[in-house]
């Protein structure tokens, strides 16, 4: 009988220790695991300067231009206290006639690093030549982690 009580106490203490460690580990998880939402505002889309548009790859080769290069610029707001790396940029882009520029695709690219607080970004995109500017930029946002995800 005494042996069973000792085993029971050891089992109970082990269970309590495991529960304690589980609770404590939940409170001390690293910030890198949490996704940080980045607010994007003051958006604009302009034709790329010649220097930036240089080397744009099109299906028509270097002599036949089938796409236009645009730079999307704007302001970022990172509410966290640490930089966010490789923040994915999502949004919808339409031409002047409300035709989707990137049909069935909302991830448009990424921002290498977003410092805490307010900053700026630019993103280069290629738009099929038949779609007419000005471009309408809607539902733009970004999200990422405090460290590279492997």
C-alpha atoms as a PDB file:
ATOM      1  CA  UNK A   1       0.000   0.000   0.000  1.00  0.00           C
ATOM      2  CA  UNK A   2       2.825   2.362   0.873  1.00  0.00           C
ATOM      3  CA  UNK A   3       4.442   1.773  -2.546  1.00  0.00           C
ATOM      4  CA  UNK A   4       1.247   2.744  -4.355  1.00  0.00           C
ATOM      5  CA  UNK A   5       0.989   6.041  -2.426  1.00  0.00           C
ATOM      6  CA  UNK A   6       4.595   6.907  -3.284  1.00  0.00           C
ATOM      7  CA  UNK A   7       3.981   6.188  -6.965  1.00  0.00           C
ATOM      8  CA  UNK A   8       0.777   8.207  -6.849  1.00  0.00           C
ATOM      9  CA  UNK A   9       2.601  11.229  -5.344  1.00  0.00           C
ATOM     10  CA  UNK A  10       5.411  11.014  -7.911  1.00  0.00           C
ATOM     11  CA  UNK A  11       2.888  10.815 -10.713  1.00  0.00           C
ATOM     12  CA  UNK A  12       0.965  13.777  -9.328  1.00  0.00           C
ATOM     13  CA  UNK A  13       4.125  15.875  -8.881  1.00  0.00           C
ATOM     14  CA  UNK A  14       5.301  15.010 -12.411  1.00  0.00           C
ATOM     15  CA  UNK A  15       1.940  16.031 -13.841  1.00  0.00           C
ATOM     16  CA  UNK A  16       1.959  19.308 -11.911  1.00  0.00           C
ATOM     17  CA  UNK A  17       5.504  20.085 -13.063  1.00  0.00           C
ATOM     18  CA  UNK A  18       4.587  19.341 -16.686  1.00  0.00           C
ATOM     19  CA  UNK A  19       1.513  21.574 -16.449  1.00  0.00           C
ATOM     20  CA  UNK A  20       3.576  24.359 -14.866  1.00  0.00           C
ATOM     21  CA  UNK A  21       6.225  24.167 -17.616  1.00  0.00           C
ATOM     22  CA  UNK A  22       3.546  24.173 -20.297  1.00  0.00           C
ATOM     23  CA  UNK A  23       1.959  27.317 -18.825  1.00  0.00           C
ATOM     24  CA  UNK A  24       5.287  29.128 -18.376  1.00  0.00           C
ATOM     25  CA  UNK A  25       6.501  28.310 -21.891  1.00  0.00           C
ATOM     26  CA  UNK A  26       3.324  29.834 -23.326  1.00  0.00           C
ATOM     27  CA  UNK A  27       4.121  33.153 -21.613  1.00  0.00           C
ATOM     28  CA  UNK A  28       7.738  33.306 -22.741  1.00  0.00           C
ATOM     29  CA  UNK A  29       7.437  32.451 -26.442  1.00  0.00           C
ATOM     30  CA  UNK A  30       9.732  34.601 -28.616  1.00  0.00           C
ATOM     31  CA  UNK A  31       8.341  37.597 -30.529  1.00  0.00           C
ATOM     32  CA  UNK A  32       9.642  36.158 -33.819  1.00  0.00           C
ATOM     33  CA  UNK A  33       6.752  33.707 -33.813  1.00  0.00           C
ATOM     34  CA  UNK A  34       4.080  36.432 -33.957  1.00  0.00           C
ATOM     35  CA  UNK A  35       3.015  37.969 -37.247  1.00  0.00           C
ATOM     36  CA  UNK A  36       3.272  41.765 -37.284  1.00  0.00           C
ATOM     37  CA  UNK A  37       0.668  43.616 -39.347  1.00  0.00           C
ATOM     38  CA  UNK A  38       2.066  46.631 -41.234  1.00  0.00           C
ATOM     39  CA  UNK A  39      -0.321  49.404 -42.249  1.00  0.00           C
ATOM     40  CA  UNK A  40       0.300  50.814 -45.763  1.00  0.00           C
ATOM     41  CA  UNK A  41      -0.974  54.318 -46.595  1.00  0.00           C
ATOM     42  CA  UNK A  42      -0.363  57.231 -48.996  1.00  0.00           C
ATOM     43  CA  UNK A  43      -0.167  54.801 -51.922  1.00  0.00           C
ATOM     44  CA  UNK A  44       0.675  55.841 -55.471  1.00  0.00           C
ATOM     45  CA  UNK A  45       1.611  54.031 -58.672  1.00  0.00           C
ATOM     46  CA  UNK A  46       3.760  55.752 -61.281  1.00  0.00           C
ATOM     47  CA  UNK A  47       5.581  54.582 -64.388  1.00  0.00           C
ATOM     48  CA  UNK A  48       9.098  53.472 -63.566  1.00  0.00           C
ATOM     49  CA  UNK A  49      11.932  55.839 -64.411  1.00  0.00           C
ATOM     50  CA  UNK A  50      14.018  54.475 -67.308  1.00  0.00           C
ATOM     51  CA  UNK A  51      16.801  53.436 -64.937  1.00  0.00           C
ATOM     52  CA  UNK A  52      14.412  51.355 -62.766  1.00  0.00           C
ATOM     53  CA  UNK A  53      12.466  49.873 -65.697  1.00  0.00           C
ATOM     54  CA  UNK A  54      15.671  48.766 -67.400  1.00  0.00           C
ATOM     55  CA  UNK A  55      15.893  44.995 -67.699  1.00  0.00           C
ATOM     56  CA  UNK A  56      12.151  44.400 -67.394  1.00  0.00           C
ATOM     57  CA  UNK A  57      11.501  40.876 -68.617  1.00  0.00           C
ATOM     58  CA  UNK A  58       8.640  40.433 -71.060  1.00  0.00           C
ATOM     59  CA  UNK A  59       7.518  37.440 -73.061  1.00  0.00           C
ATOM     60  CA  UNK A  60       8.179  39.381 -76.277  1.00  0.00           C
ATOM     61  CA  UNK A  61      11.928  39.733 -75.805  1.00  0.00           C
ATOM     62  CA  UNK A  62      13.941  42.943 -75.640  1.00  0.00           C
ATOM     63  CA  UNK A  63      12.556  44.525 -78.838  1.00  0.00           C
ATOM     64  CA  UNK A  64       8.839  43.878 -78.262  1.00  0.00           C
ATOM     65  CA  UNK A  65       7.395  45.589 -75.200  1.00  0.00           C
ATOM     66  CA  UNK A  66       4.326  43.820 -73.779  1.00  0.00           C
ATOM     67  CA  UNK A  67       4.410  45.155 -70.223  1.00  0.00           C
ATOM     68  CA  UNK A  68       4.831  48.484 -68.482  1.00  0.00           C
ATOM     69  CA  UNK A  69       6.887  48.894 -65.333  1.00  0.00           C
ATOM     70  CA  UNK A  70       5.223  50.682 -62.396  1.00  0.00           C
ATOM     71  CA  UNK A  71       6.583  51.653 -58.994  1.00  0.00           C
ATOM     72  CA  UNK A  72       4.130  51.492 -56.130  1.00  0.00           C
ATOM     73  CA  UNK A  73       5.236  53.763 -53.298  1.00  0.00           C
ATOM     74  CA  UNK A  74       3.741  54.567 -49.934  1.00  0.00           C
ATOM     75  CA  UNK A  75       4.112  54.873 -46.194  1.00  0.00           C
ATOM     76  CA  UNK A  76       4.562  51.995 -43.749  1.00  0.00           C
ATOM     77  CA  UNK A  77       3.551  51.935 -40.096  1.00  0.00           C
ATOM     78  CA  UNK A  78       5.160  49.197 -38.010  1.00  0.00           C
ATOM     79  CA  UNK A  79       3.515  49.184 -34.551  1.00  0.00           C
ATOM     80  CA  UNK A  80       6.058  46.793 -33.013  1.00  0.00           C
ATOM     81  CA  UNK A  81       9.312  47.677 -31.290  1.00  0.00           C
ATOM     82  CA  UNK A  82      11.440  45.606 -33.648  1.00  0.00           C
ATOM     83  CA  UNK A  83      12.089  45.588 -37.405  1.00  0.00           C
ATOM     84  CA  UNK A  84      10.031  43.280 -39.596  1.00  0.00           C
ATOM     85  CA  UNK A  85      11.927  41.424 -42.323  1.00  0.00           C
ATOM     86  CA  UNK A  86      10.592  40.137 -45.645  1.00  0.00           C
ATOM     87  CA  UNK A  87       7.126  41.616 -45.091  1.00  0.00           C
ATOM     88  CA  UNK A  88       4.688  40.243 -47.681  1.00  0.00           C
ATOM     89  CA  UNK A  89       2.662  42.944 -49.457  1.00  0.00           C
ATOM     90  CA  UNK A  90      -0.942  42.164 -50.386  1.00  0.00           C
ATOM     91  CA  UNK A  91      -3.437  44.248 -52.324  1.00  0.00           C
ATOM     92  CA  UNK A  92      -5.662  44.558 -55.362  1.00  0.00           C
ATOM     93  CA  UNK A  93      -4.775  46.644 -58.409  1.00  0.00           C
ATOM     94  CA  UNK A  94      -7.202  47.747 -61.129  1.00  0.00           C
ATOM     95  CA  UNK A  95      -6.730  49.833 -64.267  1.00  0.00           C
ATOM     96  CA  UNK A  96      -8.816  52.896 -65.126  1.00  0.00           C
ATOM     97  CA  UNK A  97     -11.617  50.630 -66.491  1.00  0.00           C
ATOM     98  CA  UNK A  98     -11.713  48.484 -63.304  1.00  0.00           C
ATOM     99  CA  UNK A  99      -9.939  45.567 -65.001  1.00  0.00           C
ATOM    100  CA  UNK A 100      -7.786  43.569 -62.552  1.00  0.00           C
ATOM    101  CA  UNK A 101      -4.078  44.063 -63.199  1.00  0.00           C
ATOM    102  CA  UNK A 102      -3.031  40.903 -61.336  1.00  0.00           C
ATOM    103  CA  UNK A 103      -5.991  38.597 -61.713  1.00  0.00           C
ATOM    104  CA  UNK A 104      -6.324  35.874 -59.037  1.00  0.00           C
ATOM    105  CA  UNK A 105      -3.247  37.192 -57.252  1.00  0.00           C
ATOM    106  CA  UNK A 106      -3.188  39.392 -54.161  1.00  0.00           C
ATOM    107  CA  UNK A 107       0.407  38.856 -52.988  1.00  0.00           C
ATOM    108  CA  UNK A 108       2.314  41.478 -54.940  1.00  0.00           C
ATOM    109  CA  UNK A 109       5.817  41.228 -53.511  1.00  0.00           C
ATOM    110  CA  UNK A 110       7.714  41.941 -50.331  1.00  0.00           C
ATOM    111  CA  UNK A 111       9.518  44.680 -48.434  1.00  0.00           C
ATOM    112  CA  UNK A 112      12.996  43.630 -47.275  1.00  0.00           C
ATOM    113  CA  UNK A 113      12.860  45.432 -43.930  1.00  0.00           C
ATOM    114  CA  UNK A 114      10.286  47.609 -42.188  1.00  0.00           C
ATOM    115  CA  UNK A 115      11.720  49.559 -39.257  1.00  0.00           C
ATOM    116  CA  UNK A 116       9.562  50.313 -36.194  1.00  0.00           C
ATOM    117  CA  UNK A 117       7.386  53.393 -36.526  1.00  0.00           C
ATOM    118  CA  UNK A 118       6.656  55.229 -39.779  1.00  0.00           C
ATOM    119  CA  UNK A 119       8.727  54.693 -42.946  1.00  0.00           C
ATOM    120  CA  UNK A 120       8.419  54.423 -46.717  1.00  0.00           C
ATOM    121  CA  UNK A 121       8.480  51.597 -49.261  1.00  0.00           C
ATOM    122  CA  UNK A 122       8.523  51.011 -52.991  1.00  0.00           C
ATOM    123  CA  UNK A 123       7.508  47.948 -54.953  1.00  0.00           C
ATOM    124  CA  UNK A 124       8.120  47.329 -58.657  1.00  0.00           C
ATOM    125  CA  UNK A 125       5.404  45.575 -60.675  1.00  0.00           C
ATOM    126  CA  UNK A 126       4.864  44.786 -64.358  1.00  0.00           C
ATOM    127  CA  UNK A 127       1.482  45.616 -65.854  1.00  0.00           C
ATOM    128  CA  UNK A 128       0.270  44.236 -69.205  1.00  0.00           C
ATOM    129  CA  UNK A 129       0.518  46.965 -71.847  1.00  0.00           C
ATOM    130  CA  UNK A 130      -3.205  46.805 -72.741  1.00  0.00           C
ATOM    131  CA  UNK A 131      -4.291  47.902 -69.269  1.00  0.00           C
ATOM    132  CA  UNK A 132      -4.678  51.666 -68.981  1.00  0.00           C
ATOM    133  CA  UNK A 133      -3.421  53.853 -66.131  1.00  0.00           C
ATOM    134  CA  UNK A 134      -4.049  55.445 -63.732  1.00  0.00           C
ATOM    135  CA  UNK A 135      -3.944  52.361 -61.516  1.00  0.00           C
ATOM    136  CA  UNK A 136      -6.322  51.998 -58.588  1.00  0.00           C
ATOM    137  CA  UNK A 137      -4.695  50.516 -55.476  1.00  0.00           C
ATOM    138  CA  UNK A 138      -7.084  48.870 -53.002  1.00  0.00           C
ATOM    139  CA  UNK A 139      -6.935  46.823 -49.799  1.00  0.00           C
ATOM    140  CA  UNK A 140      -3.152  47.161 -49.411  1.00  0.00           C
ATOM    141  CA  UNK A 141      -1.498  45.720 -46.308  1.00  0.00           C
ATOM    142  CA  UNK A 142       1.695  43.944 -45.329  1.00  0.00           C
ATOM    143  CA  UNK A 143       2.694  41.409 -42.706  1.00  0.00           C
ATOM    144  CA  UNK A 144       5.862  39.715 -41.597  1.00  0.00           C
ATOM    145  CA  UNK A 145       8.014  38.472 -38.729  1.00  0.00           C
ATOM    146  CA  UNK A 146      10.778  39.964 -36.572  1.00  0.00           C
ATOM    147  CA  UNK A 147      13.184  37.338 -37.931  1.00  0.00           C
ATOM    148  CA  UNK A 148      13.572  35.374 -41.140  1.00  0.00           C
ATOM    149  CA  UNK A 149      11.270  32.356 -41.294  1.00  0.00           C
ATOM    150  CA  UNK A 150      13.129  29.209 -42.291  1.00  0.00           C
END
